[in-house]
N, C-alpha and C. Protein backbone atom coordinates (compact mmCIF):
# COMPACT_ATOMS: atom_id res chain seq x y z
N UNK A 1 98.78 -115.22 -130.71
CA UNK A 1 100.15 -115.03 -130.83
C UNK A 1 100.44 -114.22 -132.29
N UNK A 2 101.38 -113.30 -131.99
CA UNK A 2 101.70 -112.58 -133.17
C UNK A 2 103.36 -112.50 -133.69
N UNK A 3 103.58 -112.15 -134.54
CA UNK A 3 104.97 -112.35 -135.30
C UNK A 3 105.16 -111.29 -136.23
N UNK A 4 106.34 -110.52 -136.22
CA UNK A 4 106.76 -109.25 -136.96
C UNK A 4 108.14 -109.46 -137.09
N UNK A 5 108.70 -109.25 -138.64
CA UNK A 5 109.81 -109.25 -138.82
C UNK A 5 110.35 -107.47 -138.93
N UNK A 6 111.42 -107.08 -138.07
CA UNK A 6 111.71 -105.87 -138.32
C UNK A 6 112.95 -105.60 -138.92
N UNK A 7 113.21 -104.62 -139.77
CA UNK A 7 114.41 -104.19 -140.39
C UNK A 7 114.96 -103.30 -139.34
N UNK A 8 116.30 -103.57 -138.97
CA UNK A 8 117.30 -102.90 -138.10
C UNK A 8 118.63 -102.58 -138.62
N UNK A 9 118.78 -101.33 -139.15
CA UNK A 9 120.13 -100.88 -139.81
C UNK A 9 121.44 -101.17 -139.14
N UNK A 10 121.14 -100.63 -137.80
CA UNK A 10 122.11 -100.77 -136.93
C UNK A 10 122.79 -102.18 -136.77
N UNK A 11 122.30 -103.21 -137.13
CA UNK A 11 122.85 -104.43 -136.87
C UNK A 11 123.97 -104.47 -137.51
N UNK A 12 125.05 -104.86 -137.20
CA UNK A 12 126.17 -105.16 -137.88
C UNK A 12 127.00 -106.42 -137.94
N UNK A 13 126.47 -107.17 -136.62
CA UNK A 13 127.03 -108.41 -136.50
C UNK A 13 126.24 -109.46 -135.76
N UNK A 14 126.83 -110.89 -135.61
CA UNK A 14 126.22 -111.88 -134.86
C UNK A 14 125.91 -111.19 -133.18
N UNK A 15 126.85 -110.38 -132.76
CA UNK A 15 127.02 -109.90 -131.44
C UNK A 15 125.81 -109.07 -131.31
N UNK A 16 125.53 -108.02 -132.28
CA UNK A 16 124.39 -107.33 -132.27
C UNK A 16 122.92 -108.07 -132.33
N UNK A 17 122.97 -109.26 -133.00
CA UNK A 17 121.67 -109.99 -132.75
C UNK A 17 121.69 -110.55 -131.63
N UNK A 18 122.60 -111.00 -130.88
CA UNK A 18 122.47 -111.37 -129.60
C UNK A 18 122.19 -110.77 -128.58
N UNK A 19 122.48 -109.50 -128.64
CA UNK A 19 122.25 -108.39 -127.82
C UNK A 19 120.81 -108.26 -127.90
N UNK A 20 120.21 -108.00 -129.21
CA UNK A 20 118.79 -107.57 -129.28
C UNK A 20 118.02 -109.00 -128.59
N UNK A 21 118.38 -110.11 -129.07
CA UNK A 21 117.71 -111.38 -128.42
C UNK A 21 117.48 -111.51 -127.04
N UNK A 22 118.93 -110.93 -126.43
CA UNK A 22 118.62 -111.16 -124.75
C UNK A 22 117.70 -109.92 -124.29
N UNK A 23 117.78 -108.76 -125.00
CA UNK A 23 117.06 -107.58 -124.36
C UNK A 23 115.44 -107.99 -124.64
N UNK A 24 115.14 -108.26 -125.88
CA UNK A 24 113.63 -108.51 -126.29
C UNK A 24 113.30 -109.67 -125.48
N UNK A 25 113.82 -110.82 -125.27
CA UNK A 25 113.80 -111.70 -124.55
C UNK A 25 113.12 -111.60 -123.02
N UNK A 26 113.79 -110.64 -122.36
CA UNK A 26 113.46 -110.26 -121.25
C UNK A 26 111.86 -109.48 -121.20
N UNK A 27 111.29 -109.32 -122.31
CA UNK A 27 110.22 -108.64 -121.97
C UNK A 27 109.06 -109.83 -121.88
N UNK A 28 108.21 -109.22 -120.86
CA UNK A 28 107.05 -110.29 -120.58
C UNK A 28 106.15 -110.57 -121.90
N UNK A 29 105.88 -111.63 -122.32
CA UNK A 29 105.10 -112.06 -123.40
C UNK A 29 105.74 -112.30 -124.58
N UNK A 30 106.99 -111.91 -124.84
CA UNK A 30 107.91 -112.34 -125.96
C UNK A 30 108.30 -113.71 -125.87
N UNK A 31 107.90 -114.52 -126.91
CA UNK A 31 108.32 -115.97 -126.85
C UNK A 31 109.62 -116.42 -127.66
N UNK A 32 109.77 -115.69 -128.65
CA UNK A 32 110.79 -116.10 -129.70
C UNK A 32 111.28 -114.71 -130.27
N UNK A 33 112.75 -114.79 -130.46
CA UNK A 33 113.43 -113.98 -131.19
C UNK A 33 114.59 -114.39 -132.06
N UNK A 34 114.51 -114.19 -133.09
CA UNK A 34 115.54 -114.66 -134.08
C UNK A 34 116.04 -113.50 -135.11
N UNK A 35 117.25 -113.50 -135.58
CA UNK A 35 117.75 -112.56 -136.29
C UNK A 35 118.90 -112.98 -137.43
N UNK A 36 118.98 -112.17 -138.22
CA UNK A 36 119.89 -112.40 -139.39
C UNK A 36 120.66 -110.96 -139.60
N UNK A 37 121.88 -111.08 -139.22
CA UNK A 37 122.90 -109.92 -139.27
C UNK A 37 122.89 -109.44 -140.83
N UNK A 38 122.99 -110.42 -141.85
CA UNK A 38 123.29 -109.99 -143.18
C UNK A 38 122.13 -109.41 -143.77
N UNK A 39 120.80 -109.51 -143.31
CA UNK A 39 119.79 -109.12 -143.88
C UNK A 39 119.29 -107.79 -142.65
N UNK A 40 119.75 -107.73 -141.78
CA UNK A 40 119.91 -106.65 -140.77
C UNK A 40 118.31 -106.78 -140.37
N UNK A 41 117.84 -108.09 -139.84
CA UNK A 41 116.53 -108.24 -139.34
C UNK A 41 116.42 -108.90 -138.21
N UNK A 42 115.16 -108.83 -137.48
CA UNK A 42 114.95 -109.47 -136.26
C UNK A 42 113.61 -109.83 -136.31
N UNK A 43 113.08 -111.18 -136.18
CA UNK A 43 111.79 -111.54 -135.93
C UNK A 43 111.41 -112.11 -134.69
N UNK A 44 110.41 -111.39 -134.33
CA UNK A 44 109.80 -111.27 -133.12
C UNK A 44 108.50 -111.88 -132.84
N UNK A 45 108.31 -113.15 -131.89
CA UNK A 45 106.84 -113.67 -131.89
C UNK A 45 106.67 -113.23 -130.29
N UNK A 46 105.41 -113.08 -130.15
CA UNK A 46 104.67 -112.54 -128.83
C UNK A 46 103.32 -112.56 -128.76
N UNK A 47 102.99 -112.47 -127.46
CA UNK A 47 101.73 -112.33 -127.14
C UNK A 47 101.49 -111.19 -126.04
N UNK A 48 100.37 -110.93 -125.58
CA UNK A 48 99.89 -110.14 -124.57
C UNK A 48 100.86 -110.55 -123.25
N UNK A 49 101.29 -109.60 -122.38
CA UNK A 49 101.17 -108.39 -122.38
C UNK A 49 102.25 -107.61 -123.32
N UNK A 50 103.19 -108.08 -124.08
CA UNK A 50 103.78 -107.48 -125.13
C UNK A 50 103.16 -106.90 -125.93
N UNK A 51 103.73 -105.87 -126.84
CA UNK A 51 102.71 -105.03 -127.83
C UNK A 51 103.87 -104.76 -128.85
N UNK A 52 103.43 -104.24 -130.02
CA UNK A 52 104.16 -104.09 -130.95
C UNK A 52 105.10 -102.93 -130.48
N UNK A 53 104.29 -101.88 -130.13
CA UNK A 53 104.61 -100.64 -129.31
C UNK A 53 105.85 -100.92 -128.38
N UNK A 54 105.61 -101.87 -127.68
CA UNK A 54 106.76 -102.00 -126.48
C UNK A 54 107.96 -102.56 -126.93
N UNK A 55 107.83 -103.36 -128.09
CA UNK A 55 108.86 -104.07 -128.62
C UNK A 55 109.61 -103.01 -129.20
N UNK A 56 109.06 -101.98 -130.16
CA UNK A 56 109.84 -101.06 -130.88
C UNK A 56 110.35 -100.03 -129.86
N UNK A 57 109.60 -99.77 -128.47
CA UNK A 57 110.18 -98.88 -127.68
C UNK A 57 111.46 -99.42 -127.19
N UNK A 58 111.42 -100.71 -126.63
CA UNK A 58 112.65 -101.39 -126.27
C UNK A 58 113.88 -101.53 -127.46
N UNK A 59 113.54 -101.63 -128.53
CA UNK A 59 114.55 -101.59 -129.75
C UNK A 59 115.20 -100.22 -129.52
N UNK A 60 114.22 -99.02 -129.64
CA UNK A 60 114.97 -97.62 -129.55
C UNK A 60 115.86 -97.78 -128.31
N UNK A 61 115.23 -97.96 -127.19
CA UNK A 61 116.12 -97.61 -125.92
C UNK A 61 117.58 -98.10 -126.19
N UNK A 62 117.59 -99.55 -126.65
CA UNK A 62 118.83 -99.88 -126.55
C UNK A 62 119.75 -99.83 -127.88
N UNK A 63 119.21 -98.63 -128.49
CA UNK A 63 120.09 -98.18 -129.50
C UNK A 63 119.89 -99.12 -130.94
N UNK A 64 118.91 -99.89 -131.19
CA UNK A 64 118.66 -100.68 -132.40
C UNK A 64 117.34 -100.27 -132.79
N UNK A 65 116.99 -98.99 -133.05
CA UNK A 65 115.75 -98.80 -133.77
C UNK A 65 115.23 -99.44 -134.90
N UNK A 66 113.87 -99.68 -134.88
CA UNK A 66 113.42 -100.39 -135.98
C UNK A 66 112.95 -99.55 -137.04
N UNK A 67 113.11 -99.73 -138.25
CA UNK A 67 112.46 -98.95 -139.36
C UNK A 67 111.10 -99.56 -139.65
């Protein structure tokens, strides 16, 4: 199992965090998604078949690209 915290400048409120949680939670292999709108960050826990690249690609697709 892997865990990474992403900085996402487009996060502006709790609704943004919930949208990201819902989208990433649908990826197979993602087991937990938590976020902090004040820090503009999301922490994602995953295992195969999810990958760092697939998570970043999903974030970009929903207009919340990670730095």
